[in-house]
Amino acid sequence: MIEQVRHGPRRVRTLDYMFVPSYGPYAHLRPVRIAPMPTEAMLEKDRAIPSSTFPSDHVALAVDLAW
C-alpha cells in the first residue's frame, strides 16, 4: 500500500456551503436543526483527514428545513 503524505503548509478551507433562500418561491423554508460539525481537535486527532476516524476529506453538512 502506498501512503500519501502531504508536506508543506497546513491548509484548512471551507469548500461546501448550504444556502437557505430569503426571497422567491422557497423563502418560507426555515432551518430547524443543524447537524453538529466536528471540532478542529476531532479532525486533527489522527493528524489530518482523511483518517481512520474520518475516512473522507469532506465533512458532511446536514440541515433539517421546515416547509
C-alpha atoms as a PDB file:
ATOM      1  CA  MET A   1       0.000   0.000   0.000  1.00  0.00           C
ATOM      2  CA  ILE A   2       1.312   3.451  -0.900  1.00  0.00           C
ATOM      3  CA  GLU A   3       0.995   6.019   1.863  1.00  0.00           C
ATOM      4  CA  GLN A   4       0.246   9.525   0.668  1.00  0.00           C
ATOM      5  CA  VAL A   5       1.808  12.248   2.754  1.00  0.00           C
ATOM      6  CA  ARG A   6       1.335  15.930   2.073  1.00  0.00           C
ATOM      7  CA  HIS A   7       4.300  18.052   3.052  1.00  0.00           C
ATOM      8  CA  GLY A   8       4.144  21.810   3.281  1.00  0.00           C
ATOM      9  CA  PRO A   9       1.857  24.379   4.884  1.00  0.00           C
ATOM     10  CA  ARG A  10      -1.334  23.317   6.614  1.00  0.00           C
ATOM     11  CA  ARG A  11      -4.440  24.117   4.573  1.00  0.00           C
ATOM     12  CA  VAL A  12      -7.899  24.468   6.081  1.00  0.00           C
ATOM     13  CA  ARG A  13     -10.603  25.628   3.706  1.00  0.00           C
ATOM     14  CA  THR A  14     -14.377  25.756   3.510  1.00  0.00           C
ATOM     15  CA  LEU A  15     -15.437  24.231   0.213  1.00  0.00           C
ATOM     16  CA  ASP A  16     -19.072  23.334   0.780  1.00  0.00           C
ATOM     17  CA  TYR A  17     -21.939  25.616   1.731  1.00  0.00           C
ATOM     18  CA  MET A  18     -25.699  25.396   2.304  1.00  0.00           C
ATOM     19  CA  PHE A  19     -27.847  28.393   1.492  1.00  0.00           C
ATOM     20  CA  VAL A  20     -31.459  28.924   2.565  1.00  0.00           C
ATOM     21  CA  PRO A  21     -33.268  31.404   0.317  1.00  0.00           C
ATOM     22  CA  SER A  22     -34.634  34.576   1.874  1.00  0.00           C
ATOM     23  CA  TYR A  23     -36.778  35.517  -1.136  1.00  0.00           C
ATOM     24  CA  GLY A  24     -38.586  33.845  -4.004  1.00  0.00           C
ATOM     25  CA  PRO A  25     -40.752  30.706  -4.016  1.00  0.00           C
ATOM     26  CA  TYR A  26     -38.737  28.995  -1.248  1.00  0.00           C
ATOM     27  CA  ALA A  27     -38.427  31.974   1.120  1.00  0.00           C
ATOM     28  CA  HIS A  28     -40.716  30.229   3.622  1.00  0.00           C
ATOM     29  CA  LEU A  29     -38.123  27.498   4.311  1.00  0.00           C
ATOM     30  CA  ARG A  30     -36.518  27.801   7.739  1.00  0.00           C
ATOM     31  CA  PRO A  31     -33.653  25.806   9.230  1.00  0.00           C
ATOM     32  CA  VAL A  32     -34.910  23.998  12.352  1.00  0.00           C
ATOM     33  CA  ARG A  33     -31.962  21.738  13.142  1.00  0.00           C
ATOM     34  CA  ILE A  34     -28.331  21.791  12.057  1.00  0.00           C
ATOM     35  CA  ALA A  35     -26.155  18.698  12.435  1.00  0.00           C
ATOM     36  CA  PRO A  36     -23.168  19.359  14.682  1.00  0.00           C
ATOM     37  CA  MET A  37     -19.834  19.776  12.975  1.00  0.00           C
ATOM     38  CA  PRO A  38     -16.760  18.010  14.316  1.00  0.00           C
ATOM     39  CA  THR A  39     -14.350  20.282  16.131  1.00  0.00           C
ATOM     40  CA  GLU A  40     -10.932  21.047  14.724  1.00  0.00           C
ATOM     41  CA  ALA A  41      -9.424  18.949  17.538  1.00  0.00           C
ATOM     42  CA  MET A  42     -11.564  15.958  16.476  1.00  0.00           C
ATOM     43  CA  LEU A  43     -10.470  16.342  12.859  1.00  0.00           C
ATOM     44  CA  GLU A  44      -6.798  16.601  13.840  1.00  0.00           C
ATOM     45  CA  LYS A  45      -6.876  13.629  16.235  1.00  0.00           C
ATOM     46  CA  ASP A  46      -5.203  11.434  13.608  1.00  0.00           C
ATOM     47  CA  ARG A  47      -3.178  14.424  12.333  1.00  0.00           C
ATOM     48  CA  ALA A  48      -5.311  15.152   9.269  1.00  0.00           C
ATOM     49  CA  ILE A  49      -8.271  13.936   7.259  1.00  0.00           C
ATOM     50  CA  PRO A  50      -8.888  11.522   5.662  1.00  0.00           C
ATOM     51  CA  SER A  51      -8.053   9.269   8.596  1.00  0.00           C
ATOM     52  CA  SER A  52      -9.277   6.122  10.314  1.00  0.00           C
ATOM     53  CA  THR A  53     -11.881   8.220  12.169  1.00  0.00           C
ATOM     54  CA  PHE A  54     -12.937  10.402   9.203  1.00  0.00           C
ATOM     55  CA  PRO A  55     -12.417   8.333   6.033  1.00  0.00           C
ATOM     56  CA  SER A  56     -13.115  11.266   3.716  1.00  0.00           C
ATOM     57  CA  ASP A  57     -11.525  14.672   3.391  1.00  0.00           C
ATOM     58  CA  HIS A  58     -15.046  16.139   3.250  1.00  0.00           C
ATOM     59  CA  VAL A  59     -17.220  16.706   6.319  1.00  0.00           C
ATOM     60  CA  ALA A  60     -20.967  16.081   5.944  1.00  0.00           C
ATOM     61  CA  LEU A  61     -23.306  19.064   6.087  1.00  0.00           C
ATOM     62  CA  ALA A  62     -26.896  18.381   7.134  1.00  0.00           C
ATOM     63  CA  VAL A  63     -29.810  20.709   7.906  1.00  0.00           C
ATOM     64  CA  ASP A  64     -33.466  19.969   8.573  1.00  0.00           C
ATOM     65  CA  LEU A  65     -35.705  22.583   6.974  1.00  0.00           C
ATOM     66  CA  ALA A  66     -39.286  23.427   7.937  1.00  0.00           C
ATOM     67  CA  TRP A  67     -41.516  23.658   4.885  1.00  0.00           C
END
